[in-house]
Amino acid sequence: MKTLMTALLLGTATLSQAAPVDPYGYKLPPSMQPKKKAATAAKKKGPPPVDYVGEFVNFGDWKEVRSFLDEVATRDGFERAELNTLMNQVRYVDSAVQLVKPAPPGKPKNWQAYSRLIVDPVRIDNGVKFWNENRDALERAEALYGIPAEILVGIIGVETVYGRNTGRFRVIDALTTLAFSYPEAPQRTERMAFFRGELEAALLFARQNGIDPLSLRGSFAGAIGMPQFMPSSVMKYAVDFDGSGKIDLLNSSGDAIGSVAAFLAAHGWQRDLGGPLVYAAAVSPNRAWEAMINQGLSAKYRAPELTAAGVTTTVPVPEQQNYGLVDLQNGAEPTEYWLANNNFFAITQYNRSYFYAMSVVELGRAVRLARGGL
């Protein structure tokens, strides 16, 4: 659930210390960090408590903020005075700024290490429980949208461990901070524009649902609920799947399941594709296949093209499908190569990362097998 307007998927963060960095040099979203085992607690009905102290910087005096609020008031029909009152309560969150900074360069990524953090006993055990408790909703989502239950279970597990780590930041604080004080980066202007759009969407969502915008809790990047939807994705893709009359991505597993399915269906998932999403591959020494690496988040090649370039699989792949060649780096160890079909790349529209999409596939499969599935 950090890069796309429609699909940033990030978890909680703690302000009292820097985000953990694993031995391989990349910073995992806190929802993916290993957590200390805690006693099971009853589900909270209200928003989780904020676990940081923001700094008051009087955003309302900033020229860029005033211009933004003028535009929002005109475009969306907000009362300008109400926006002023809200902005006077918004706090600057330095940890959000620190957490969106790029990871330090120089250390290689390692898929196997990443996978061990995600496909772990805690997520598998909780995934089995989540699947068993929500079997009807998962079956209904699969029938309606064509998304297999194991993929829906995989995404919600990777994002928030089935609702255990949904975020403890005030969404309005995080979005305002990143919209107007994004750290120096090559695409700083574009990222600030993105977060301004998400801030506007959060205001619209709160008004539409009659809730205090300051009550919204989420990740340090403003992602909300079990599926970690950004506010614009909530507005576009979230569904009332449990029939309660409202959309509740924080407390309703049914709404989370239906909304993830709706998102994938809108982003290229093809219900008629048969077989696995990925096939283990080997590459030849002639390296003609290198031109097929990093060709975007889509499947572009037919099996004969890949074979001609020196890519082989241990089992036959359906020749009527398109594939992309995915490379998963393993630090000093050999890189893994996989052929991935269009449905794998639909998952990357949720989070633009091969590691992410593969972890969803592997976690969903592990949960299915733990339930006794084939």
Protein backbone atom coordinates (compact mmCIF):
# COMPACT_ATOMS: atom_id res chain seq x y z
CA MET A 1 0.00 0.00 0.00
CA LYS A 2 3.95 5.52 -1.26
CA THR A 3 4.26 6.32 -4.89
CA LEU A 4 0.94 6.26 -6.76
CA MET A 5 -1.99 8.59 -6.16
CA THR A 6 -4.21 5.57 -6.28
CA ALA A 7 -2.26 3.15 -4.32
CA LEU A 8 0.14 4.15 -1.67
CA LEU A 9 0.34 1.50 0.83
CA LEU A 10 2.23 2.30 4.06
CA GLY A 11 1.85 1.47 7.75
CA THR A 12 2.45 2.93 11.16
CA ALA A 13 5.53 4.79 12.33
CA THR A 14 6.81 5.82 15.72
CA LEU A 15 8.18 9.27 16.30
CA SER A 16 10.31 8.49 19.28
CA GLN A 17 12.97 6.81 17.18
CA ALA A 18 14.20 6.61 13.60
CA ALA A 19 12.54 4.07 11.32
CA PRO A 20 14.45 0.78 11.48
CA VAL A 21 16.80 0.09 8.60
CA ASP A 22 17.50 -3.53 7.83
CA PRO A 23 21.05 -4.86 7.33
CA TYR A 24 20.69 -4.60 3.55
CA GLY A 25 20.24 -0.87 3.51
CA TYR A 26 16.63 -0.25 2.49
CA LYS A 27 14.02 1.15 4.79
CA LEU A 28 10.83 -0.89 5.08
CA PRO A 29 7.49 0.79 5.80
CA PRO A 30 6.80 0.37 9.51
CA SER A 31 3.79 -1.87 8.77
CA MET A 32 6.36 -4.30 7.38
CA GLN A 33 8.73 -4.06 10.33
CA PRO A 34 8.83 -7.07 12.66
CA LYS A 35 6.83 -6.33 15.77
CA LYS A 36 7.22 -7.58 19.30
CA LYS A 37 4.59 -10.12 20.19
CA ALA A 38 1.82 -8.59 22.22
CA ALA A 39 -1.19 -9.92 24.04
CA THR A 40 -4.33 -10.06 21.94
CA ALA A 41 -6.59 -7.10 22.56
CA ALA A 42 -10.19 -6.43 21.68
CA LYS A 43 -10.78 -4.54 18.44
CA LYS A 44 -10.90 -0.80 18.99
CA LYS A 45 -13.96 0.93 17.67
CA GLY A 46 -12.55 4.45 17.63
CA PRO A 47 -9.45 5.82 15.90
CA PRO A 48 -6.12 4.72 17.37
CA PRO A 49 -4.37 7.27 19.56
CA VAL A 50 -1.82 9.59 18.03
CA ASP A 51 1.67 8.55 19.11
CA TYR A 52 3.60 11.71 18.29
CA VAL A 53 3.69 15.36 19.28
CA GLY A 54 3.53 17.56 16.22
CA GLU A 55 4.96 21.03 15.97
CA PHE A 56 2.71 24.04 15.52
CA VAL A 57 4.08 26.08 12.60
CA ASN A 58 0.97 28.11 11.66
CA PHE A 59 0.49 26.60 8.22
CA GLY A 60 -2.28 29.14 7.61
CA ASP A 61 0.32 31.90 7.27
CA TRP A 62 2.21 30.13 4.51
CA LYS A 63 1.57 31.67 1.09
CA GLU A 64 1.35 28.30 -0.65
CA VAL A 65 -1.13 27.02 1.92
CA ARG A 66 -3.33 30.10 1.59
CA SER A 67 -3.40 29.70 -2.19
CA PHE A 68 -4.26 26.03 -1.85
CA LEU A 69 -7.10 26.74 0.58
CA ASP A 70 -8.47 29.44 -1.72
CA GLU A 71 -8.54 26.97 -4.59
CA VAL A 72 -10.16 24.23 -2.51
CA ALA A 73 -12.81 26.58 -1.16
CA THR A 74 -13.70 27.72 -4.69
CA ARG A 75 -13.48 24.33 -6.36
CA ASP A 76 -15.21 22.23 -3.70
CA GLY A 77 -17.50 24.68 -1.95
CA PHE A 78 -15.80 24.70 1.44
CA GLU A 79 -16.24 27.66 3.73
CA ARG A 80 -12.90 29.47 3.75
CA ALA A 81 -13.24 30.36 7.43
CA GLU A 82 -13.76 26.70 8.32
CA LEU A 83 -10.61 25.77 6.45
CA ASN A 84 -8.73 28.45 8.38
CA THR A 85 -10.01 27.03 11.66
CA LEU A 86 -8.94 23.54 10.63
CA MET A 87 -5.49 24.65 9.50
CA ASN A 88 -4.89 26.35 12.85
CA GLN A 89 -5.12 22.90 14.46
CA VAL A 90 -2.81 21.10 12.03
CA ARG A 91 0.65 20.15 13.22
CA TYR A 92 3.93 19.73 11.37
CA VAL A 93 5.19 16.13 11.61
CA ASP A 94 8.94 15.90 11.16
CA SER A 95 8.95 12.10 11.28
CA ALA A 96 6.77 12.01 8.15
CA VAL A 97 9.40 14.10 6.38
CA GLN A 98 12.18 11.80 7.56
CA LEU A 99 10.34 8.64 6.58
CA VAL A 100 9.70 9.66 2.97
CA LYS A 101 13.37 10.43 2.35
CA PRO A 102 15.07 7.96 -0.01
CA ALA A 103 17.02 5.14 1.55
CA PRO A 104 20.79 5.71 1.62
CA PRO A 105 22.52 4.48 -1.54
CA GLY A 106 25.26 1.93 -1.77
CA LYS A 107 23.76 -1.22 -0.26
CA PRO A 108 22.05 -3.80 -2.46
CA LYS A 109 18.48 -4.91 -2.06
CA ASN A 110 17.86 -8.47 -0.97
CA TRP A 111 14.63 -10.20 -1.90
CA GLN A 112 15.17 -13.21 0.35
CA ALA A 113 15.71 -10.99 3.40
CA TYR A 114 12.67 -8.91 2.50
CA SER A 115 10.56 -12.02 2.00
CA ARG A 116 11.51 -13.43 5.39
CA LEU A 117 10.24 -10.24 7.04
CA ILE A 118 6.88 -10.43 5.25
CA VAL A 119 6.06 -14.12 4.88
CA ASP A 120 6.53 -14.85 8.56
CA PRO A 121 4.61 -16.99 11.07
CA VAL A 122 2.73 -14.00 12.52
CA ARG A 123 1.28 -12.98 9.18
CA ILE A 124 0.58 -16.55 8.14
CA ASP A 125 -1.22 -17.41 11.39
CA ASN A 126 -3.22 -14.19 11.35
CA GLY A 127 -3.94 -14.71 7.66
CA VAL A 128 -5.47 -18.12 8.32
CA LYS A 129 -7.67 -16.60 11.02
CA PHE A 130 -8.64 -13.67 8.79
CA TRP A 131 -9.51 -15.99 5.90
CA ASN A 132 -11.59 -18.29 8.09
CA GLU A 133 -13.47 -15.39 9.67
CA ASN A 134 -14.13 -13.67 6.36
CA ARG A 135 -14.59 -16.62 4.04
CA ASP A 136 -18.00 -15.47 2.80
CA ALA A 137 -16.79 -11.95 1.96
CA LEU A 138 -13.70 -13.34 0.20
CA GLU A 139 -15.80 -15.74 -1.87
CA ARG A 140 -18.22 -12.96 -2.78
CA ALA A 141 -15.38 -10.62 -3.80
CA GLU A 142 -13.86 -13.35 -5.95
CA ALA A 143 -17.19 -13.99 -7.65
CA LEU A 144 -17.92 -10.30 -8.22
CA TYR A 145 -14.47 -8.96 -9.15
CA GLY A 146 -12.55 -12.08 -10.15
CA ILE A 147 -9.76 -11.60 -7.58
CA PRO A 148 -8.70 -14.83 -5.83
CA ALA A 149 -9.07 -14.86 -2.05
CA GLU A 150 -5.38 -15.54 -1.53
CA ILE A 151 -4.41 -12.30 -3.32
CA LEU A 152 -6.83 -10.24 -1.21
CA VAL A 153 -5.56 -11.94 1.94
CA GLY A 154 -1.97 -11.36 0.82
CA ILE A 155 -2.42 -7.63 0.27
CA ILE A 156 -4.22 -6.94 3.55
CA GLY A 157 -1.64 -9.03 5.39
CA VAL A 158 1.33 -7.24 3.85
CA GLU A 159 -0.23 -3.83 4.39
CA THR A 160 -1.37 -3.96 8.01
CA VAL A 161 -1.16 -7.55 9.30
CA TYR A 162 -4.96 -7.76 8.94
CA GLY A 163 -5.67 -4.49 10.69
CA ARG A 164 -3.12 -4.70 13.50
CA ASN A 165 -0.97 -1.84 12.19
CA THR A 166 -3.20 0.71 10.46
CA GLY A 167 -1.29 3.82 11.49
CA ARG A 168 -1.32 6.26 14.37
CA PHE A 169 -0.79 9.57 12.59
CA ARG A 170 -3.45 12.19 12.07
CA VAL A 171 -3.93 11.99 8.32
CA ILE A 172 -4.41 15.75 7.94
CA ASP A 173 -1.14 16.43 9.80
CA ALA A 174 0.84 14.02 7.64
CA LEU A 175 -0.66 15.14 4.33
CA THR A 176 -0.30 18.84 5.05
CA THR A 177 3.31 18.39 6.12
CA LEU A 178 4.23 16.47 2.97
CA ALA A 179 2.15 18.69 0.71
CA PHE A 180 4.01 21.83 1.73
CA SER A 181 7.26 20.70 3.33
CA TYR A 182 8.38 17.66 1.34
CA PRO A 183 12.12 17.01 1.70
CA GLU A 184 14.57 17.82 -1.08
CA ALA A 185 14.34 15.11 -3.72
CA PRO A 186 14.55 14.86 -7.53
CA GLN A 187 10.74 14.84 -7.87
CA ARG A 188 9.92 17.13 -4.96
CA THR A 189 7.53 19.34 -6.95
CA GLU A 190 5.58 16.35 -8.26
CA ARG A 191 5.41 14.73 -4.84
CA MET A 192 4.13 17.89 -3.21
CA ALA A 193 1.43 18.18 -5.89
CA PHE A 194 0.48 14.56 -5.22
CA PHE A 195 0.08 15.12 -1.49
CA ARG A 196 -1.90 18.32 -2.05
CA GLY A 197 -4.31 16.27 -4.12
CA GLU A 198 -4.52 13.71 -1.33
CA LEU A 199 -5.12 16.45 1.25
CA GLU A 200 -8.01 17.76 -0.81
CA ALA A 201 -9.40 14.23 -1.16
CA ALA A 202 -9.17 13.73 2.61
CA LEU A 203 -11.16 16.91 3.21
CA LEU A 204 -13.79 15.81 0.71
CA PHE A 205 -14.00 12.33 2.22
CA ALA A 206 -14.46 13.73 5.72
CA ARG A 207 -17.19 16.12 4.58
CA GLN A 208 -18.96 13.44 2.56
CA ASN A 209 -19.07 11.13 5.57
CA GLY A 210 -19.82 13.79 8.18
CA ILE A 211 -16.68 13.21 10.23
CA ASP A 212 -14.08 15.49 11.75
CA PRO A 213 -11.09 15.45 9.36
CA LEU A 214 -8.78 15.58 12.36
CA SER A 215 -10.18 12.24 13.54
CA LEU A 216 -8.76 10.38 10.53
CA ARG A 217 -5.80 8.18 11.46
CA GLY A 218 -3.37 6.53 9.10
CA SER A 219 0.24 6.05 8.09
CA PHE A 220 2.95 8.69 8.00
CA ALA A 221 2.03 9.17 4.31
CA GLY A 222 -1.69 9.51 5.00
CA ALA A 223 -2.84 6.00 4.01
CA ILE A 224 -6.00 4.80 5.72
CA GLY A 225 -7.42 1.59 7.15
CA MET A 226 -6.75 -2.12 6.74
CA PRO A 227 -5.91 -1.83 3.02
CA GLN A 228 -3.94 1.43 3.47
CA PHE A 229 -5.78 3.38 0.78
CA MET A 230 -4.74 6.94 0.13
CA PRO A 231 -7.72 9.32 0.43
CA SER A 232 -8.15 9.63 -3.35
CA SER A 233 -8.32 5.83 -3.61
CA VAL A 234 -10.90 5.75 -0.83
CA MET A 235 -13.00 8.19 -2.83
CA LYS A 236 -12.59 6.29 -6.12
CA TYR A 237 -12.48 2.62 -5.19
CA ALA A 238 -13.67 1.96 -1.63
CA VAL A 239 -16.99 0.11 -1.41
CA ASP A 240 -19.55 -0.65 1.26
CA PHE A 241 -19.11 -4.39 0.91
CA ASP A 242 -20.70 -5.38 4.21
CA GLY A 243 -23.95 -3.53 3.50
CA SER A 244 -23.76 -1.35 6.59
CA GLY A 245 -24.64 1.80 4.72
CA LYS A 246 -21.18 3.33 5.17
CA ILE A 247 -17.60 2.65 4.15
CA ASP A 248 -15.33 1.77 7.08
CA LEU A 249 -11.86 0.61 6.06
CA LEU A 250 -10.63 0.68 9.65
CA ASN A 251 -13.09 -1.68 11.35
CA SER A 252 -14.88 -3.55 8.56
CA SER A 253 -12.99 -6.50 7.10
CA GLY A 254 -15.73 -6.83 4.50
CA ASP A 255 -15.29 -3.27 3.28
CA ALA A 256 -11.50 -3.74 3.17
CA ILE A 257 -11.84 -6.96 1.16
CA GLY A 258 -14.32 -5.52 -1.31
CA SER A 259 -12.35 -2.31 -1.72
CA VAL A 260 -9.05 -4.08 -2.46
CA ALA A 261 -10.86 -6.25 -5.00
CA ALA A 262 -12.48 -3.21 -6.62
CA PHE A 263 -9.11 -1.48 -6.83
CA LEU A 264 -7.39 -4.42 -8.54
CA ALA A 265 -10.29 -4.92 -10.94
CA ALA A 266 -10.01 -1.24 -11.94
CA HIS A 267 -6.25 -1.54 -12.43
CA GLY A 268 -5.98 -4.31 -14.94
CA TRP A 269 -6.76 -7.58 -13.17
CA GLN A 270 -8.01 -10.10 -15.72
CA ARG A 271 -10.28 -12.75 -14.23
CA ASP A 272 -9.86 -15.05 -17.24
CA LEU A 273 -6.08 -15.45 -17.00
CA GLY A 274 -5.32 -19.01 -16.01
CA GLY A 275 -2.38 -20.51 -14.18
CA PRO A 276 0.01 -18.92 -11.69
CA LEU A 277 0.87 -15.23 -11.69
CA VAL A 278 4.60 -15.97 -11.80
CA TYR A 279 6.89 -18.70 -13.15
CA ALA A 280 10.47 -19.25 -12.00
CA ALA A 281 12.85 -18.54 -14.88
CA ALA A 282 16.48 -19.02 -15.85
CA VAL A 283 18.44 -16.70 -18.14
CA SER A 284 21.17 -17.56 -20.62
CA PRO A 285 24.76 -16.21 -20.53
CA ASN A 286 24.30 -14.37 -23.85
CA ARG A 287 22.33 -11.69 -21.98
CA ALA A 288 20.04 -10.87 -24.91
CA TRP A 289 17.24 -10.88 -22.34
CA GLU A 290 18.64 -7.80 -20.57
CA ALA A 291 16.67 -5.55 -22.90
CA MET A 292 13.50 -7.03 -21.40
CA ILE A 293 14.34 -5.92 -17.84
CA ASN A 294 12.86 -2.70 -16.44
CA GLN A 295 10.31 -2.27 -19.20
CA GLY A 296 7.68 -0.73 -16.94
CA LEU A 297 4.96 -2.26 -14.84
CA SER A 298 3.30 -4.25 -17.59
CA ALA A 299 3.53 -7.58 -19.37
CA LYS A 300 4.81 -7.00 -22.91
CA TYR A 301 6.30 -10.23 -24.22
CA ARG A 302 5.02 -13.54 -25.50
CA ALA A 303 6.67 -16.78 -24.44
CA PRO A 304 8.41 -17.37 -27.82
CA GLU A 305 10.03 -13.91 -27.66
CA LEU A 306 11.37 -14.62 -24.19
CA THR A 307 12.62 -18.04 -25.23
CA ALA A 308 14.42 -16.54 -28.23
CA ALA A 309 16.14 -14.06 -25.90
CA GLY A 310 17.40 -16.86 -23.66
CA VAL A 311 14.73 -17.01 -20.96
CA THR A 312 13.49 -20.48 -20.00
CA THR A 313 11.09 -21.85 -17.38
CA THR A 314 11.01 -25.19 -15.64
CA VAL A 315 7.36 -25.69 -16.55
CA PRO A 316 5.51 -24.68 -19.72
CA VAL A 317 3.77 -21.31 -19.58
CA PRO A 318 0.48 -20.47 -21.36
CA GLU A 319 1.53 -19.08 -24.73
CA GLN A 320 -1.58 -16.94 -25.16
CA GLN A 321 -0.58 -14.65 -22.28
CA ASN A 322 1.88 -11.77 -22.15
CA TYR A 323 4.69 -11.72 -19.61
CA GLY A 324 7.22 -9.40 -18.09
CA LEU A 325 10.70 -10.44 -16.97
CA VAL A 326 11.05 -9.67 -13.26
CA ASP A 327 14.43 -9.52 -11.53
CA LEU A 328 14.59 -9.90 -7.74
CA GLN A 329 18.02 -8.95 -6.45
CA ASN A 330 19.50 -10.93 -3.57
CA GLY A 331 22.43 -8.85 -2.41
CA ALA A 332 25.66 -10.73 -3.03
CA GLU A 333 23.74 -13.87 -3.99
CA PRO A 334 22.43 -14.57 -7.52
CA THR A 335 19.44 -12.57 -8.71
CA GLU A 336 16.17 -14.47 -9.08
CA TYR A 337 14.27 -14.17 -12.38
CA TRP A 338 10.57 -14.72 -12.88
CA LEU A 339 8.07 -14.44 -15.68
CA ALA A 340 5.05 -12.49 -14.47
CA ASN A 341 1.69 -12.13 -16.17
CA ASN A 342 -0.67 -9.15 -16.31
CA ASN A 343 -2.27 -9.94 -12.97
CA PHE A 344 1.08 -9.71 -11.21
CA PHE A 345 1.51 -6.26 -12.69
CA ALA A 346 -1.98 -5.28 -11.55
CA ILE A 347 -0.68 -5.78 -8.00
CA THR A 348 2.20 -3.40 -8.75
CA GLN A 349 -0.41 -0.69 -9.36
CA TYR A 350 -1.17 -1.00 -5.65
CA ASN A 351 2.50 -0.47 -4.84
CA ARG A 352 5.07 0.06 -7.57
CA SER A 353 7.49 -2.62 -6.48
CA TYR A 354 8.34 -6.12 -7.69
CA PHE A 355 9.28 -7.01 -4.12
CA TYR A 356 5.86 -5.89 -2.91
CA ALA A 357 3.90 -7.79 -5.55
CA MET A 358 5.92 -10.97 -5.06
CA SER A 359 5.47 -10.77 -1.28
CA VAL A 360 1.70 -10.55 -1.79
CA VAL A 361 1.80 -13.64 -4.00
CA GLU A 362 3.97 -15.60 -1.56
CA LEU A 363 2.07 -14.60 1.58
CA GLY A 364 -1.29 -15.43 0.00
CA ARG A 365 0.03 -18.80 -1.12
CA ALA A 366 1.51 -19.54 2.32
CA VAL A 367 -1.81 -18.73 4.03
CA ARG A 368 -3.72 -20.89 1.56
CA LEU A 369 -1.40 -23.83 2.18
CA ALA A 370 -1.59 -23.32 5.96
CA ARG A 371 -5.37 -23.61 5.68
CA GLY A 372 -4.96 -26.91 3.92
CA GLY A 373 -5.49 -25.60 0.40
CA LEU A 374 -3.75 -27.06 -2.63
